[in-house]
Structure formats: C-alpha cells, structure tokens
Amino acid sequence: MSFKPTNKVVYGAPVCLSLIFNAEGKCTCYTGGYVMDRRLGNTQGLGAMFGVIAAIGGPVLKPGSLIYTLLSLPGTVGSVLYGLFNVVTLGLFFKPMVSSKVH
C-alpha cells in the first residue's frame, strides 16, 4: 500500500505500549498503538499505522462499520469472514498473532 504525499500533519492520540526484555537486555516483544484517549488528535481515534493512514485521508476499518461488525461476529461465521477479508486485502489490515510466551 502506498500513498501520495499529502503534507498533512499527524497528531496522534496518546497510546500505550509495552516492551519485554530477555536476560541479555534484548527486546523480545513490542506491543503498541493501543489508544488511551481517542478524543485527542486527528487520527479518528485510531492508533499505530491505522491512525497515520486515517489522518492523511486513507481508507481504514472503523469500529461500527459493516465490515468491522461482520469480522467481529463470534464463531465460525466470523472466522470465515475474517479469513476471506484477510485474503482479499492481502493481509494489510491484520497483524499476525504473536505468542505471549516470554523467551
């Protein structure tokens, strides 16, 4: 996915992140982009790259939208729709699941 320059300034909402370090002091896990106050900034309440894309006028999935709602359905229906959407969008909207096991 690529975007033409917009010269728009991105004012991100405050986000929470976490880091996990191993015994050697190397970061083994990074999580971030979890918005703490979606009323602030111009990212439409979104964090990480979703917020940046929203702020420059790009397409993003929004909570409450039809696609978001369908992908949130529980059980088999939601899993099938999730998989189909991920294939159709070439995986651009979802990051792979990461094991919570500490190394």
PDB file of N, CA and C in Angstrom:
ATOM      1  N   MET A   1       0.846  -1.165   0.000  1.00  0.00           N
ATOM      2  CA  MET A   1       0.000   0.000   0.000  1.00  0.00           C
ATOM      3  C   MET A   1       0.895   1.231   0.000  1.00  0.00           C
ATOM      4  N   SER A   2       0.602   2.182  -0.850  1.00  0.00           N
ATOM      5  CA  SER A   2       1.384   3.413  -0.872  1.00  0.00           C
ATOM      6  C   SER A   2       0.441   4.598  -1.035  1.00  0.00           C
ATOM      7  N   PHE A   3       0.909   5.753  -0.586  1.00  0.00           N
ATOM      8  CA  PHE A   3       0.109   6.972  -0.635  1.00  0.00           C
ATOM      9  C   PHE A   3       0.950   8.098  -1.204  1.00  0.00           C
ATOM     10  N   LYS A   4       0.292   8.984  -1.923  1.00  0.00           N
ATOM     11  CA  LYS A   4       0.982  10.177  -2.410  1.00  0.00           C
ATOM     12  C   LYS A   4       1.144  11.141  -1.241  1.00  0.00           C
ATOM     13  N   PRO A   5       2.170  11.981  -1.273  1.00  0.00           N
ATOM     14  CA  PRO A   5       2.365  12.952  -0.194  1.00  0.00           C
ATOM     15  C   PRO A   5       1.143  13.860  -0.045  1.00  0.00           C
ATOM     16  N   THR A   6       0.741  14.106   1.206  1.00  0.00           N
ATOM     17  CA  THR A   6      -0.414  14.965   1.473  1.00  0.00           C
ATOM     18  C   THR A   6      -0.020  16.250   2.188  1.00  0.00           C
ATOM     19  N   ASN A   7       1.177  16.285   2.749  1.00  0.00           N
ATOM     20  CA  ASN A   7       1.630  17.420   3.557  1.00  0.00           C
ATOM     21  C   ASN A   7       0.738  17.663   4.765  1.00  0.00           C
ATOM     22  N   LYS A   8      -0.018  16.664   5.172  1.00  0.00           N
ATOM     23  CA  LYS A   8      -0.848  16.778   6.366  1.00  0.00           C
ATOM     24  C   LYS A   8      -0.017  16.415   7.588  1.00  0.00           C
ATOM     25  N   VAL A   9      -0.285  17.098   8.688  1.00  0.00           N
ATOM     26  CA  VAL A   9       0.399  16.808   9.945  1.00  0.00           C
ATOM     27  C   VAL A   9      -0.434  15.782  10.706  1.00  0.00           C
ATOM     28  N   VAL A  10       0.217  14.760  11.229  1.00  0.00           N
ATOM     29  CA  VAL A  10      -0.473  13.727  12.008  1.00  0.00           C
ATOM     30  C   VAL A  10      -0.325  14.053  13.487  1.00  0.00           C
ATOM     31  N   TYR A  11      -1.465  14.271  14.142  1.00  0.00           N
ATOM     32  CA  TYR A  11      -1.488  14.486  15.589  1.00  0.00           C
ATOM     33  C   TYR A  11      -2.047  13.213  16.208  1.00  0.00           C
ATOM     34  N   GLY A  12      -1.176  12.342  16.637  1.00  0.00           N
ATOM     35  CA  GLY A  12      -1.606  11.065  17.175  1.00  0.00           C
ATOM     36  C   GLY A  12      -2.249  11.177  18.542  1.00  0.00           C
ATOM     37  N   ALA A  13      -3.199  10.298  18.792  1.00  0.00           N
ATOM     38  CA  ALA A  13      -3.795  10.194  20.117  1.00  0.00           C
ATOM     39  C   ALA A  13      -2.772   9.547  21.049  1.00  0.00           C
ATOM     40  N   PRO A  14      -2.875   9.807  22.362  1.00  0.00           N
ATOM     41  CA  PRO A  14      -1.936   9.150  23.278  1.00  0.00           C
ATOM     42  C   PRO A  14      -2.148   7.635  23.248  1.00  0.00           C
ATOM     43  N   VAL A  15      -1.047   6.906  23.182  1.00  0.00           N
ATOM     44  CA  VAL A  15      -1.132   5.451  23.108  1.00  0.00           C
ATOM     45  C   VAL A  15      -0.333   4.794  24.223  1.00  0.00           C
ATOM     46  N   CYS A  16      -0.672   3.553  24.480  1.00  0.00           N
ATOM     47  CA  CYS A  16       0.026   2.739  25.473  1.00  0.00           C
ATOM     48  C   CYS A  16       0.854   1.710  24.710  1.00  0.00           C
ATOM     49  N   LEU A  17       2.013   1.397  25.232  1.00  0.00           N
ATOM     50  CA  LEU A  17       2.823   0.353  24.623  1.00  0.00           C
ATOM     51  C   LEU A  17       3.544  -0.420  25.713  1.00  0.00           C
ATOM     52  N   SER A  18       4.046  -1.574  25.343  1.00  0.00           N
ATOM     53  CA  SER A  18       4.811  -2.367  26.305  1.00  0.00           C
ATOM     54  C   SER A  18       5.986  -3.028  25.597  1.00  0.00           C
ATOM     55  N   LEU A  19       7.022  -3.267  26.362  1.00  0.00           N
ATOM     56  CA  LEU A  19       8.226  -3.925  25.869  1.00  0.00           C
ATOM     57  C   LEU A  19       8.582  -5.058  26.823  1.00  0.00           C
ATOM     58  N   ILE A  20       9.040  -6.174  26.279  1.00  0.00           N
ATOM     59  CA  ILE A  20       9.518  -7.285  27.106  1.00  0.00           C
ATOM     60  C   ILE A  20      10.973  -7.530  26.726  1.00  0.00           C
ATOM     61  N   PHE A  21      11.826  -7.596  27.744  1.00  0.00           N
ATOM     62  CA  PHE A  21      13.256  -7.802  27.520  1.00  0.00           C
ATOM     63  C   PHE A  21      13.685  -9.157  28.066  1.00  0.00           C
ATOM     64  N   ASN A  22      14.641  -9.793  27.409  1.00  0.00           N
ATOM     65  CA  ASN A  22      15.175 -11.055  27.912  1.00  0.00           C
ATOM     66  C   ASN A  22      16.332 -10.766  28.871  1.00  0.00           C
ATOM     67  N   ALA A  23      16.972 -11.814  29.373  1.00  0.00           N
ATOM     68  CA  ALA A  23      18.049 -11.669  30.357  1.00  0.00           C
ATOM     69  C   ALA A  23      19.251 -10.897  29.802  1.00  0.00           C
ATOM     70  N   GLU A  24      19.441 -10.933  28.483  1.00  0.00           N
ATOM     71  CA  GLU A  24      20.555 -10.208  27.866  1.00  0.00           C
ATOM     72  C   GLU A  24      20.225  -8.739  27.602  1.00  0.00           C
ATOM     73  N   GLY A  25      19.015  -8.335  27.951  1.00  0.00           N
ATOM     74  CA  GLY A  25      18.608  -6.950  27.735  1.00  0.00           C
ATOM     75  C   GLY A  25      18.084  -6.657  26.340  1.00  0.00           C
ATOM     76  N   LYS A  26      17.843  -7.706  25.554  1.00  0.00           N
ATOM     77  CA  LYS A  26      17.312  -7.516  24.206  1.00  0.00           C
ATOM     78  C   LYS A  26      15.790  -7.529  24.253  1.00  0.00           C
ATOM     79  N   CYS A  27      15.193  -6.645  23.478  1.00  0.00           N
ATOM     80  CA  CYS A  27      13.734  -6.586  23.410  1.00  0.00           C
ATOM     81  C   CYS A  27      13.236  -7.782  22.604  1.00  0.00           C
ATOM     82  N   THR A  28      12.374  -8.589  23.214  1.00  0.00           N
ATOM     83  CA  THR A  28      11.846  -9.771  22.543  1.00  0.00           C
ATOM     84  C   THR A  28      10.395  -9.606  22.130  1.00  0.00           C
ATOM     85  N   CYS A  29       9.735  -8.583  22.637  1.00  0.00           N
ATOM     86  CA  CYS A  29       8.331  -8.367  22.298  1.00  0.00           C
ATOM     87  C   CYS A  29       8.007  -6.884  22.423  1.00  0.00           C
ATOM     88  N   TYR A  30       7.335  -6.348  21.427  1.00  0.00           N
ATOM     89  CA  TYR A  30       6.909  -4.948  21.442  1.00  0.00           C
ATOM     90  C   TYR A  30       5.443  -4.909  21.059  1.00  0.00           C
ATOM     91  N   THR A  31       4.636  -4.285  21.877  1.00  0.00           N
ATOM     92  CA  THR A  31       3.240  -4.050  21.519  1.00  0.00           C
ATOM     93  C   THR A  31       2.992  -2.564  21.625  1.00  0.00           C
ATOM     94  N   GLY A  32       2.193  -2.040  20.754  1.00  0.00           N
ATOM     95  CA  GLY A  32       1.932  -0.605  20.786  1.00  0.00           C
ATOM     96  C   GLY A  32       0.746  -0.236  19.930  1.00  0.00           C
ATOM     97  N   GLY A  33       0.390   1.029  20.010  1.00  0.00           N
ATOM     98  CA  GLY A  33      -0.721   1.511  19.204  1.00  0.00           C
ATOM     99  C   GLY A  33      -2.068   1.407  19.879  1.00  0.00           C
ATOM    100  N   TYR A  34      -2.090   1.098  21.177  1.00  0.00           N
ATOM    101  CA  TYR A  34      -3.355   0.992  21.893  1.00  0.00           C
ATOM    102  C   TYR A  34      -3.742   2.376  22.399  1.00  0.00           C
ATOM    103  N   VAL A  35      -4.756   2.969  21.787  1.00  0.00           N
ATOM    104  CA  VAL A  35      -5.150   4.345  22.079  1.00  0.00           C
ATOM    105  C   VAL A  35      -5.756   4.456  23.474  1.00  0.00           C
ATOM    106  N   MET A  36      -5.282   5.451  24.220  1.00  0.00           N
ATOM    107  CA  MET A  36      -5.769   5.679  25.582  1.00  0.00           C
ATOM    108  C   MET A  36      -6.865   6.750  25.632  1.00  0.00           C
ATOM    109  N   ASP A  37      -6.843   7.717  24.722  1.00  0.00           N
ATOM    110  CA  ASP A  37      -7.874   8.758  24.674  1.00  0.00           C
ATOM    111  C   ASP A  37      -8.137   9.093  23.215  1.00  0.00           C
ATOM    112  N   ARG A  38      -9.141   8.443  22.645  1.00  0.00           N
ATOM    113  CA  ARG A  38      -9.397   8.593  21.213  1.00  0.00           C
ATOM    114  C   ARG A  38      -9.995   9.937  20.830  1.00  0.00           C
ATOM    115  N   ARG A  39     -10.317  10.762  21.816  1.00  0.00           N
ATOM    116  CA  ARG A  39     -10.857  12.094  21.521  1.00  0.00           C
ATOM    117  C   ARG A  39      -9.773  13.065  21.077  1.00  0.00           C
ATOM    118  N   LEU A  40      -8.525  12.741  21.343  1.00  0.00           N
ATOM    119  CA  LEU A  40      -7.417  13.640  21.016  1.00  0.00           C
ATOM    120  C   LEU A  40      -6.790  13.272  19.674  1.00  0.00           C
ATOM    121  N   GLY A  41      -6.214  14.250  19.025  1.00  0.00           N
ATOM    122  CA  GLY A  41      -5.511  14.011  17.772  1.00  0.00           C
ATOM    123  C   GLY A  41      -6.434  14.031  16.564  1.00  0.00           C
ATOM    124  N   ASN A  42      -5.853  13.807  15.396  1.00  0.00           N
ATOM    125  CA  ASN A  42      -6.637  13.785  14.156  1.00  0.00           C
ATOM    126  C   ASN A  42      -6.604  12.412  13.490  1.00  0.00           C
ATOM    127  N   THR A  43      -6.439  11.376  14.299  1.00  0.00           N
ATOM    128  CA  THR A  43      -6.331  10.016  13.773  1.00  0.00           C
ATOM    129  C   THR A  43      -7.644   9.243  13.853  1.00  0.00           C
ATOM    130  N   GLN A  44      -8.746   9.954  14.074  1.00  0.00           N
ATOM    131  CA  GLN A  44     -10.075   9.339  14.175  1.00  0.00           C
ATOM    132  C   GLN A  44     -10.129   8.287  15.281  1.00  0.00           C
ATOM    133  N   GLY A  45      -9.352   8.501  16.327  1.00  0.00           N
ATOM    134  CA  GLY A  45      -9.359   7.587  17.458  1.00  0.00           C
ATOM    135  C   GLY A  45      -8.584   6.307  17.240  1.00  0.00           C
ATOM    136  N   LEU A  46      -7.823   6.231  16.167  1.00  0.00           N
ATOM    137  CA  LEU A  46      -7.082   5.018  15.843  1.00  0.00           C
ATOM    138  C   LEU A  46      -5.614   5.178  16.203  1.00  0.00           C
ATOM    139  N   GLY A  47      -4.954   4.053  16.448  1.00  0.00           N
ATOM    140  CA  GLY A  47      -3.545   4.076  16.803  1.00  0.00           C
ATOM    141  C   GLY A  47      -2.691   3.413  15.747  1.00  0.00           C
ATOM    142  N   ALA A  48      -1.388   3.464  15.964  1.00  0.00           N
ATOM    143  CA  ALA A  48      -0.391   2.838  15.089  1.00  0.00           C
ATOM    144  C   ALA A  48      -0.575   3.314  13.648  1.00  0.00           C
ATOM    145  N   MET A  49      -0.326   2.449  12.687  1.00  0.00           N
ATOM    146  CA  MET A  49      -0.427   2.843  11.277  1.00  0.00           C
ATOM    147  C   MET A  49      -1.856   3.155  10.862  1.00  0.00           C
ATOM    148  N   PHE A  50      -2.848   2.544  11.538  1.00  0.00           N
ATOM    149  CA  PHE A  50      -4.237   2.858  11.220  1.00  0.00           C
ATOM    150  C   PHE A  50      -4.494   4.344  11.445  1.00  0.00           C
ATOM    151  N   GLY A  51      -3.956   4.887  12.542  1.00  0.00           N
ATOM    152  CA  GLY A  51      -4.121   6.301  12.849  1.00  0.00           C
ATOM    153  C   GLY A  51      -3.438   7.196  11.836  1.00  0.00           C
ATOM    154  N   VAL A  52      -2.227   6.819  11.439  1.00  0.00           N
ATOM    155  CA  VAL A  52      -1.493   7.608  10.445  1.00  0.00           C
ATOM    156  C   VAL A  52      -2.258   7.618   9.125  1.00  0.00           C
ATOM    157  N   ILE A  53      -2.724   6.449   8.694  1.00  0.00           N
ATOM    158  CA  ILE A  53      -3.466   6.359   7.437  1.00  0.00           C
ATOM    159  C   ILE A  53      -4.751   7.176   7.510  1.00  0.00           C
ATOM    160  N   ALA A  54      -5.465   7.100   8.643  1.00  0.00           N
ATOM    161  CA  ALA A  54      -6.697   7.878   8.806  1.00  0.00           C
ATOM    162  C   ALA A  54      -6.413   9.371   8.755  1.00  0.00           C
ATOM    163  N   ALA A  55      -5.338   9.816   9.389  1.00  0.00           N
ATOM    164  CA  ALA A  55      -5.013  11.244   9.453  1.00  0.00           C
ATOM    165  C   ALA A  55      -4.659  11.829   8.084  1.00  0.00           C
ATOM    166  N   ILE A  56      -4.124  10.998   7.193  1.00  0.00           N
ATOM    167  CA  ILE A  56      -3.772  11.519   5.865  1.00  0.00           C
ATOM    168  C   ILE A  56      -4.883  11.275   4.847  1.00  0.00           C
ATOM    169  N   GLY A  57      -6.015  10.737   5.321  1.00  0.00           N
ATOM    170  CA  GLY A  57      -7.164  10.562   4.441  1.00  0.00           C
ATOM    171  C   GLY A  57      -7.251   9.225   3.751  1.00  0.00           C
ATOM    172  N   GLY A  58      -6.504   8.245   4.212  1.00  0.00           N
ATOM    173  CA  GLY A  58      -6.533   6.916   3.606  1.00  0.00           C
ATOM    174  C   GLY A  58      -7.678   6.067   4.139  1.00  0.00           C
ATOM    175  N   PRO A  59      -7.923   4.901   3.536  1.00  0.00           N
ATOM    176  CA  PRO A  59      -9.009   4.015   3.964  1.00  0.00           C
ATOM    177  C   PRO A  59      -8.621   3.202   5.201  1.00  0.00           C
ATOM    178  N   VAL A  60      -9.488   3.168   6.189  1.00  0.00           N
ATOM    179  CA  VAL A  60      -9.249   2.376   7.396  1.00  0.00           C
ATOM    180  C   VAL A  60     -10.543   1.709   7.844  1.00  0.00           C
ATOM    181  N   LEU A  61     -10.407   0.580   8.511  1.00  0.00           N
ATOM    182  CA  LEU A  61     -11.561  -0.060   9.138  1.00  0.00           C
ATOM    183  C   LEU A  61     -11.896   0.700  10.407  1.00  0.00           C
ATOM    184  N   LYS A  62     -13.180   0.989  10.618  1.00  0.00           N
ATOM    185  CA  LYS A  62     -13.584   1.734  11.804  1.00  0.00           C
ATOM    186  C   LYS A  62     -14.564   0.900  12.616  1.00  0.00           C
ATOM    187  N   PRO A  63     -14.422   0.906  13.950  1.00  0.00           N
ATOM    188  CA  PRO A  63     -15.406   0.221  14.788  1.00  0.00           C
ATOM    189  C   PRO A  63     -16.802   0.752  14.476  1.00  0.00           C
ATOM    190  N   GLY A  64     -17.748  -0.169  14.318  1.00  0.00           N
ATOM    191  CA  GLY A  64     -19.119   0.210  13.998  1.00  0.00           C
ATOM    192  C   GLY A  64     -19.441   0.104  12.520  1.00  0.00           C
ATOM    193  N   SER A  65     -18.412   0.035  11.659  1.00  0.00           N
ATOM    194  CA  SER A  65     -18.677  -0.102  10.227  1.00  0.00           C
ATOM    195  C   SER A  65     -19.174  -1.521   9.947  1.00  0.00           C
ATOM    196  N   LEU A  66     -19.820  -1.706   8.813  1.00  0.00           N
ATOM    197  CA  LEU A  66     -20.384  -3.007   8.473  1.00  0.00           C
ATOM    198  C   LEU A  66     -19.308  -4.088   8.414  1.00  0.00           C
ATOM    199  N   ILE A  67     -18.204  -3.822   7.733  1.00  0.00           N
ATOM    200  CA  ILE A  67     -17.138  -4.827   7.620  1.00  0.00           C
ATOM    201  C   ILE A  67     -16.570  -5.156   8.994  1.00  0.00           C
ATOM    202  N   TYR A  68     -16.329  -4.130   9.814  1.00  0.00           N
ATOM    203  CA  TYR A  68     -15.797  -4.341  11.163  1.00  0.00           C
ATOM    204  C   TYR A  68     -16.761  -5.201  11.975  1.00  0.00           C
ATOM    205  N   THR A  69     -18.052  -4.906  11.880  1.00  0.00           N
ATOM    206  CA  THR A  69     -19.062  -5.662  12.624  1.00  0.00           C
ATOM    207  C   THR A  69     -19.104  -7.111  12.167  1.00  0.00           C
ATOM    208  N   LEU A  70     -19.080  -7.337  10.853  1.00  0.00           N
ATOM    209  CA  LEU A  70     -19.109  -8.707  10.341  1.00  0.00           C
ATOM    210  C   LEU A  70     -17.879  -9.490  10.775  1.00  0.00           C
ATOM    211  N   LEU A  71     -16.718  -8.832  10.773  1.00  0.00           N
ATOM    212  CA  LEU A  71     -15.492  -9.513  11.184  1.00  0.00           C
ATOM    213  C   LEU A  71     -15.467  -9.794  12.680  1.00  0.00           C
ATOM    214  N   SER A  72     -16.316  -9.096  13.442  1.00  0.00           N
ATOM    215  CA  SER A  72     -16.367  -9.284  14.891  1.00  0.00           C
ATOM    216  C   SER A  72     -17.338 -10.381  15.307  1.00  0.00           C
ATOM    217  N   LEU A  73     -18.076 -10.948  14.358  1.00  0.00           N
ATOM    218  CA  LEU A  73     -19.042 -11.989  14.699  1.00  0.00           C
ATOM    219  C   LEU A  73     -18.331 -13.182  15.331  1.00  0.00           C
ATOM    220  N   PRO A  74     -18.951 -13.762  16.359  1.00  0.00           N
ATOM    221  CA  PRO A  74     -18.309 -14.901  17.028  1.00  0.00           C
ATOM    222  C   PRO A  74     -18.425 -16.189  16.215  1.00  0.00           C
ATOM    223  N   GLY A  75     -17.579 -17.116  16.536  1.00  0.00           N
ATOM    224  CA  GLY A  75     -17.674 -18.463  15.986  1.00  0.00           C
ATOM    225  C   GLY A  75     -17.225 -18.595  14.545  1.00  0.00           C
ATOM    226  N   THR A  76     -17.777 -19.602  13.885  1.00  0.00           N
ATOM    227  CA  THR A  76     -17.360 -19.973  12.541  1.00  0.00           C
ATOM    228  C   THR A  76     -17.608 -18.875  11.520  1.00  0.00           C
ATOM    229  N   VAL A  77     -18.761 -18.210  11.605  1.00  0.00           N
ATOM    230  CA  VAL A  77     -19.080 -17.158  10.633  1.00  0.00           C
ATOM    231  C   VAL A  77     -18.021 -16.065  10.668  1.00  0.00           C
ATOM    232  N   GLY A  78     -17.682 -15.599  11.858  1.00  0.00           N
ATOM    233  CA  GLY A  78     -16.666 -14.561  11.993  1.00  0.00           C
ATOM    234  C   GLY A  78     -15.307 -15.025  11.507  1.00  0.00           C
ATOM    235  N   SER A  79     -14.957 -16.268  11.812  1.00  0.00           N
ATOM    236  CA  SER A  79     -13.658 -16.803  11.389  1.00  0.00           C
ATOM    237  C   SER A  79     -13.554 -16.886   9.871  1.00  0.00           C
ATOM    238  N   VAL A  80     -14.618 -17.329   9.226  1.00  0.00           N
ATOM    239  CA  VAL A  80     -14.627 -17.430   7.765  1.00  0.00           C
ATOM    240  C   VAL A  80     -14.528 -16.043   7.143  1.00  0.00           C
ATOM    241  N   LEU A  81     -15.349 -15.097   7.629  1.00  0.00           N
ATOM    242  CA  LEU A  81     -15.307 -13.732   7.094  1.00  0.00           C
ATOM    243  C   LEU A  81     -13.939 -13.095   7.330  1.00  0.00           C
ATOM    244  N   TYR A  82     -13.379 -13.322   8.503  1.00  0.00           N
ATOM    245  CA  TYR A  82     -12.053 -12.786   8.842  1.00  0.00           C
ATOM    246  C   TYR A  82     -11.017 -13.303   7.851  1.00  0.00           C
ATOM    247  N   GLY A  83     -11.024 -14.603   7.603  1.00  0.00           N
ATOM    248  CA  GLY A  83     -10.073 -15.209   6.674  1.00  0.00           C
ATOM    249  C   GLY A  83     -10.237 -14.692   5.255  1.00  0.00           C
ATOM    250  N   LEU A  84     -11.484 -14.594   4.793  1.00  0.00           N
ATOM    251  CA  LEU A  84     -11.738 -14.083   3.446  1.00  0.00           C
ATOM    252  C   LEU A  84     -11.273 -12.638   3.299  1.00  0.00           C
ATOM    253  N   PHE A  85     -11.587 -11.810   4.292  1.00  0.00           N
ATOM    254  CA  PHE A  85     -11.195 -10.404   4.237  1.00  0.00           C
ATOM    255  C   PHE A  85      -9.678 -10.283   4.235  1.00  0.00           C
ATOM    256  N   ASN A  86      -9.017 -11.099   5.030  1.00  0.00           N
ATOM    257  CA  ASN A  86      -7.556 -11.064   5.107  1.00  0.00           C
ATOM    258  C   ASN A  86      -6.930 -11.444   3.760  1.00  0.00           C
ATOM    259  N   VAL A  87      -7.515 -12.412   3.075  1.00  0.00           N
ATOM    260  CA  VAL A  87      -7.006 -12.821   1.762  1.00  0.00           C
ATOM    261  C   VAL A  87      -7.255 -11.726   0.731  1.00  0.00           C
ATOM    262  N   VAL A  88      -8.472 -11.176   0.714  1.00  0.00           N
ATOM    263  CA  VAL A  88      -8.835 -10.154  -0.270  1.00  0.00           C
ATOM    264  C   VAL A  88      -7.976  -8.902  -0.121  1.00  0.00           C
ATOM    265  N   THR A  89      -7.660  -8.522   1.107  1.00  0.00           N
ATOM    266  CA  THR A  89      -6.875  -7.302   1.342  1.00  0.00           C
ATOM    267  C   THR A  89      -5.378  -7.584   1.428  1.00  0.00           C
ATOM    268  N   LEU A  90      -4.981  -8.800   1.084  1.00  0.00           N
ATOM    269  CA  LEU A  90      -3.566  -9.201   1.115  1.00  0.00           C
ATOM    270  C   LEU A  90      -2.948  -9.047   2.500  1.00  0.00           C
ATOM    271  N   GLY A  91      -3.761  -9.169   3.539  1.00  0.00           N
ATOM    272  CA  GLY A  91      -3.260  -9.107   4.908  1.00  0.00           C
ATOM    273  C   GLY A  91      -2.877  -7.723   5.382  1.00  0.00           C
ATOM    274  N   LEU A  92      -3.313  -6.675   4.692  1.00  0.00           N
ATOM    275  CA  LEU A  92      -2.899  -5.317   5.050  1.00  0.00           C
ATOM    276  C   LEU A  92      -3.517  -4.812   6.348  1.00  0.00           C
ATOM    277  N   PHE A  93      -4.676  -5.350   6.742  1.00  0.00           N
ATOM    278  CA  PHE A  93      -5.367  -4.812   7.905  1.00  0.00           C
ATOM    279  C   PHE A  93      -5.122  -5.581   9.196  1.00  0.00           C
ATOM    280  N   PHE A  94      -4.469  -6.709   9.132  1.00  0.00           N
ATOM    281  CA  PHE A  94      -4.289  -7.516  10.331  1.00  0.00           C
ATOM    282  C   PHE A  94      -2.829  -7.897  10.509  1.00  0.00           C
ATOM    283  N   LYS A  95      -2.360  -7.842  11.738  1.00  0.00           N
ATOM    284  CA  LYS A  95      -1.003  -8.292  12.008  1.00  0.00           C
ATOM    285  C   LYS A  95      -1.077  -9.724  12.528  1.00  0.00           C
ATOM    286  N   PRO A  96      -0.073 -10.541  12.284  1.00  0.00           N
ATOM    287  CA  PRO A  96      -0.108 -11.932  12.722  1.00  0.00           C
ATOM    288  C   PRO A  96      -0.113 -12.038  14.241  1.00  0.00           C
ATOM    289  N   MET A  97      -0.721 -13.093  14.723  1.00  0.00           N
ATOM    290  CA  MET A  97      -0.750 -13.345  16.161  1.00  0.00           C
ATOM    291  C   MET A  97       0.659 -13.679  16.633  1.00  0.00           C
ATOM    292  N   VAL A  98       1.023 -13.143  17.784  1.00  0.00           N
ATOM    293  CA  VAL A  98       2.341 -13.373  18.355  1.00  0.00           C
ATOM    294  C   VAL A  98       2.169 -14.150  19.645  1.00  0.00           C
ATOM    295  N   SER A  99       2.989 -15.137  19.847  1.00  0.00           N
ATOM    296  CA  SER A  99       2.924 -15.926  21.063  1.00  0.00           C
ATOM    297  C   SER A  99       3.221 -15.050  22.272  1.00  0.00           C
ATOM    298  N   SER A 100       2.473 -15.265  23.355  1.00  0.00           N
ATOM    299  CA  SER A 100       2.706 -14.485  24.574  1.00  0.00           C
ATOM    300  C   SER A 100       3.803 -15.112  25.430  1.00  0.00           C
ATOM    301  N   LYS A 101       4.391 -16.191  24.950  1.00  0.00           N
ATOM    302  CA  LYS A 101       5.455 -16.861  25.685  1.00  0.00           C
ATOM    303  C   LYS A 101       6.692 -15.966  25.760  1.00  0.00           C
ATOM    304  N   VAL A 102       7.201 -15.762  26.956  1.00  0.00           N
ATOM    305  CA  VAL A 102       8.398 -14.941  27.146  1.00  0.00           C
ATOM    306  C   VAL A 102       9.620 -15.791  26.855  1.00  0.00           C
ATOM    307  N   HIS A 103      10.506 -15.279  26.027  1.00  0.00           N
ATOM    308  CA  HIS A 103      11.709 -16.030  25.633  1.00  0.00           C
ATOM    309  C   HIS A 103      12.810 -15.835  26.638  1.00  0.00           C
TER     310      HIS A 103
END
